[in-house]
C-alpha atoms as a PDB file:
ATOM      1  CA  MET A   1     -16.229 -91.375 -17.431  1.00  0.00           C
ATOM      2  CA  MET A   2     -15.817 -88.915 -14.564  1.00  0.00           C
ATOM      3  CA  LYS A   3     -18.675 -86.527 -13.864  1.00  0.00           C
ATOM      4  CA  ILE A   4     -17.717 -82.850 -13.791  1.00  0.00           C
ATOM      5  CA  VAL A   5     -18.681 -81.371 -10.447  1.00  0.00           C
ATOM      6  CA  LYS A   6     -20.389 -78.025 -10.902  1.00  0.00           C
ATOM      7  CA  LYS A   7     -19.437 -75.487  -8.229  1.00  0.00           C
ATOM      8  CA  ILE A   8     -20.626 -71.930  -7.700  1.00  0.00           C
ATOM      9  CA  GLY A   9     -20.015 -69.182  -5.210  1.00  0.00           C
ATOM     10  CA  LEU A  10     -22.960 -66.918  -4.534  1.00  0.00           C
ATOM     11  CA  TRP A  11     -22.177 -63.559  -2.897  1.00  0.00           C
ATOM     12  CA  MET A  12     -25.461 -62.048  -1.865  1.00  0.00           C
ATOM     13  CA  ASP A  13     -27.265 -59.484   0.188  1.00  0.00           C
ATOM     14  CA  ASN A  14     -30.978 -58.649   0.233  1.00  0.00           C
ATOM     15  CA  SER A  15     -30.957 -56.840  -3.091  1.00  0.00           C
ATOM     16  CA  ILE A  16     -28.369 -58.444  -5.379  1.00  0.00           C
ATOM     17  CA  ALA A  17     -26.576 -61.737  -5.872  1.00  0.00           C
ATOM     18  CA  TYR A  18     -23.378 -62.381  -7.804  1.00  0.00           C
ATOM     19  CA  ILE A  19     -23.179 -65.937  -9.069  1.00  0.00           C
ATOM     20  CA  ILE A  20     -19.550 -66.927  -9.611  1.00  0.00           C
ATOM     21  CA  GLU A  21     -19.041 -70.182 -11.448  1.00  0.00           C
ATOM     22  CA  PHE A  22     -15.923 -72.029 -10.315  1.00  0.00           C
ATOM     23  CA  VAL A  23     -14.165 -73.043 -13.496  1.00  0.00           C
ATOM     24  CA  LEU A  24     -10.482 -73.136 -14.317  1.00  0.00           C
ATOM     25  CA  GLU A  25     -10.369 -69.785 -16.137  1.00  0.00           C
ATOM     26  CA  PRO A  26     -11.920 -67.386 -16.855  1.00  0.00           C
ATOM     27  CA  PHE A  27     -14.466 -67.118 -14.085  1.00  0.00           C
ATOM     28  CA  GLN A  28     -17.957 -66.204 -15.143  1.00  0.00           C
ATOM     29  CA  ILE A  29     -20.022 -63.818 -13.039  1.00  0.00           C
ATOM     30  CA  GLN A  30     -23.766 -63.420 -13.418  1.00  0.00           C
ATOM     31  CA  THR A  31     -25.970 -61.124 -11.327  1.00  0.00           C
ATOM     32  CA  ILE A  32     -29.537 -61.433 -10.124  1.00  0.00           C
ATOM     33  CA  GLU A  33     -31.253 -58.499  -8.497  1.00  0.00           C
ATOM     34  CA  SER A  34     -34.219 -58.466  -6.198  1.00  0.00           C
ATOM     35  CA  GLU A  35     -37.125 -56.500  -7.588  1.00  0.00           C
ATOM     36  CA  PHE A  36     -37.508 -54.787  -4.230  1.00  0.00           C
ATOM     37  CA  THR A  37     -34.935 -52.041  -4.281  1.00  0.00           C
ATOM     38  CA  PRO A  38     -34.375 -49.120  -1.895  1.00  0.00           C
ATOM     39  CA  PHE A  39     -35.782 -46.919  -4.681  1.00  0.00           C
ATOM     40  CA  GLU A  40     -38.959 -49.000  -4.722  1.00  0.00           C
ATOM     41  CA  LYS A  41     -39.287 -48.563  -0.969  1.00  0.00           C
ATOM     42  CA  GLU A  42     -38.899 -44.772  -1.231  1.00  0.00           C
ATOM     43  CA  SER A  43     -41.133 -44.369  -4.276  1.00  0.00           C
ATOM     44  CA  THR A  44     -44.216 -45.817  -2.605  1.00  0.00           C
ATOM     45  CA  PRO A  45     -44.620 -43.899   0.683  1.00  0.00           C
ATOM     46  CA  SER A  46     -48.380 -43.590   0.204  1.00  0.00           C
ATOM     47  CA  HIS A  47     -48.823 -47.329   0.732  1.00  0.00           C
ATOM     48  CA  SER A  48     -49.435 -48.616   4.189  1.00  0.00           C
ATOM     49  CA  GLU A  49     -46.601 -50.214   6.150  1.00  0.00           C
ATOM     50  CA  LYS A  50     -48.440 -53.551   6.029  1.00  0.00           C
ATOM     51  CA  HIS A  51     -48.832 -53.362   2.249  1.00  0.00           C
ATOM     52  CA  MET A  52     -45.149 -52.512   1.799  1.00  0.00           C
ATOM     53  CA  HIS A  53     -44.068 -55.361   4.072  1.00  0.00           C
ATOM     54  CA  HIS A  54     -46.233 -57.826   2.126  1.00  0.00           C
ATOM     55  CA  LYS A  55     -44.862 -56.609  -1.211  1.00  0.00           C
ATOM     56  CA  GLU A  56     -41.304 -56.809   0.129  1.00  0.00           C
ATOM     57  CA  GLN A  57     -41.894 -60.406   1.281  1.00  0.00           C
ATOM     58  CA  GLN A  58     -43.322 -61.387  -2.103  1.00  0.00           C
ATOM     59  CA  LEU A  59     -40.399 -59.865  -3.997  1.00  0.00           C
ATOM     60  CA  GLN A  60     -37.882 -61.434  -1.606  1.00  0.00           C
ATOM     61  CA  LYS A  61     -39.547 -64.812  -2.151  1.00  0.00           C
ATOM     62  CA  GLU A  62     -39.222 -64.390  -5.947  1.00  0.00           C
ATOM     63  CA  TYR A  63     -35.545 -63.412  -5.541  1.00  0.00           C
ATOM     64  CA  TYR A  64     -34.818 -66.523  -3.473  1.00  0.00           C
ATOM     65  CA  LYS A  65     -36.751 -68.673  -5.958  1.00  0.00           C
ATOM     66  CA  LYS A  66     -34.572 -67.438  -8.840  1.00  0.00           C
ATOM     67  CA  LEU A  67     -31.431 -68.171  -6.813  1.00  0.00           C
ATOM     68  CA  SER A  68     -32.749 -71.611  -5.829  1.00  0.00           C
ATOM     69  CA  GLU A  69     -33.208 -72.540  -9.488  1.00  0.00           C
ATOM     70  CA  ILE A  70     -29.574 -71.669 -10.193  1.00  0.00           C
ATOM     71  CA  ILE A  71     -28.369 -73.546  -7.109  1.00  0.00           C
ATOM     72  CA  MET A  72     -30.306 -76.643  -8.148  1.00  0.00           C
ATOM     73  CA  ALA A  73     -28.148 -76.975 -11.286  1.00  0.00           C
ATOM     74  CA  ASN A  74     -24.947 -77.313  -9.221  1.00  0.00           C
ATOM     75  CA  ASP A  75     -23.252 -79.871  -6.976  1.00  0.00           C
ATOM     76  CA  GLU A  76     -21.444 -77.584  -4.525  1.00  0.00           C
ATOM     77  CA  VAL A  77     -22.486 -74.094  -3.502  1.00  0.00           C
ATOM     78  CA  LEU A  78     -20.835 -71.459  -1.338  1.00  0.00           C
ATOM     79  CA  LEU A  79     -23.259 -68.799  -0.025  1.00  0.00           C
ATOM     80  CA  PHE A  80     -21.406 -65.747   1.257  1.00  0.00           C
ATOM     81  CA  GLY A  81     -22.016 -62.061   1.895  1.00  0.00           C
ATOM     82  CA  PRO A  82     -22.473 -59.399   4.577  1.00  0.00           C
ATOM     83  CA  THR A  83     -26.168 -59.753   5.483  1.00  0.00           C
ATOM     84  CA  ASN A  84     -28.462 -62.475   6.832  1.00  0.00           C
ATOM     85  CA  ALA A  85     -29.903 -63.026   3.332  1.00  0.00           C
ATOM     86  CA  LYS A  86     -27.568 -65.995   2.777  1.00  0.00           C
ATOM     87  CA  LEU A  87     -28.839 -67.633   5.989  1.00  0.00           C
ATOM     88  CA  GLU A  88     -32.463 -66.996   5.044  1.00  0.00           C
ATOM     89  CA  LEU A  89     -31.860 -68.635   1.663  1.00  0.00           C
ATOM     90  CA  PHE A  90     -29.896 -71.505   3.255  1.00  0.00           C
ATOM     91  CA  ASN A  91     -32.786 -72.227   5.652  1.00  0.00           C
ATOM     92  CA  ILE A  92     -35.267 -72.275   2.760  1.00  0.00           C
ATOM     93  CA  LEU A  93     -33.042 -74.708   0.837  1.00  0.00           C
ATOM     94  CA  LYS A  94     -32.582 -76.993   3.861  1.00  0.00           C
ATOM     95  CA  LYS A  95     -36.369 -77.451   4.128  1.00  0.00           C
ATOM     96  CA  ASP A  96     -36.564 -78.560   0.470  1.00  0.00           C
ATOM     97  CA  ASN A  97     -35.416 -82.145  -0.096  1.00  0.00           C
ATOM     98  CA  ARG A  98     -34.549 -81.396  -3.736  1.00  0.00           C
ATOM     99  CA  PHE A  99     -31.374 -79.783  -2.344  1.00  0.00           C
ATOM    100  CA  ASP A 100     -30.338 -82.748  -0.146  1.00  0.00           C
ATOM    101  CA  THR A 101     -27.661 -83.919  -2.590  1.00  0.00           C
ATOM    102  CA  ILE A 102     -26.111 -80.469  -3.035  1.00  0.00           C
ATOM    103  CA  LYS A 103     -23.270 -79.510  -0.695  1.00  0.00           C
ATOM    104  CA  ILE A 104     -24.122 -75.992   0.533  1.00  0.00           C
ATOM    105  CA  GLU A 105     -21.816 -73.989   2.814  1.00  0.00           C
ATOM    106  CA  VAL A 106     -22.433 -70.554   4.324  1.00  0.00           C
ATOM    107  CA  ARG A 107     -19.643 -68.058   5.073  1.00  0.00           C
ATOM    108  CA  GLN A 108     -19.722 -64.503   6.416  1.00  0.00           C
ATOM    109  CA  ALA A 109     -18.042 -61.981   4.115  1.00  0.00           C
ATOM    110  CA  ALA A 110     -17.848 -58.204   3.854  1.00  0.00           C
ATOM    111  CA  GLN A 111     -18.617 -55.961   0.910  1.00  0.00           C
ATOM    112  CA  MET A 112     -16.144 -57.009  -1.774  1.00  0.00           C
ATOM    113  CA  THR A 113     -14.843 -55.909  -5.127  1.00  0.00           C
ATOM    114  CA  PRO A 114     -15.430 -58.289  -8.046  1.00  0.00           C
ATOM    115  CA  ASN A 115     -11.807 -59.477  -7.803  1.00  0.00           C
ATOM    116  CA  GLN A 116     -12.169 -60.143  -4.067  1.00  0.00           C
ATOM    117  CA  LYS A 117     -15.326 -62.201  -4.741  1.00  0.00           C
ATOM    118  CA  LEU A 118     -13.473 -64.238  -7.376  1.00  0.00           C
ATOM    119  CA  ALA A 119     -10.529 -64.819  -5.033  1.00  0.00           C
ATOM    120  CA  PHE A 120     -12.867 -65.833  -2.176  1.00  0.00           C
ATOM    121  CA  VAL A 121     -14.598 -68.450  -4.353  1.00  0.00           C
ATOM    122  CA  ARG A 122     -11.322 -69.688  -5.859  1.00  0.00           C
ATOM    123  CA  ASP A 123      -9.701 -70.019  -2.421  1.00  0.00           C
ATOM    124  CA  TYR A 124     -12.721 -71.784  -0.948  1.00  0.00           C
ATOM    125  CA  PHE A 125     -13.051 -74.405  -3.681  1.00  0.00           C
ATOM    126  CA  SER A 126      -9.288 -74.835  -4.115  1.00  0.00           C
ATOM    127  CA  ASP A 127      -9.054 -75.862  -0.445  1.00  0.00           C
ATOM    128  CA  ASN A 128     -11.920 -78.383  -0.689  1.00  0.00           C
END
């Protein structure tokens, strides 16, 4: 029996990730948001810069951990988006040997509408 290869596209920046499962139709999109939002940054001006930076790092680490758990359940992953967040996550995954058997690619992409994200993932996996 042939194993079904699980593929996802993950459009992300530092505050939100859209997980797009590559299936025949319909695509399924799930979102994960970082707890550290611009609002959070603005609502705590009384905290020291060092405290804010530490909190931001902790929340970013939690965000990447959530994404890593989703990635682990797949065979092929496309990380794409406009910021360096995808590269930061990719570097974390590369250091963890649990991800050695997962094919992970990184692509630069601009801000996109939901339909553009779907098309990007469909085009990427259709060509591979």
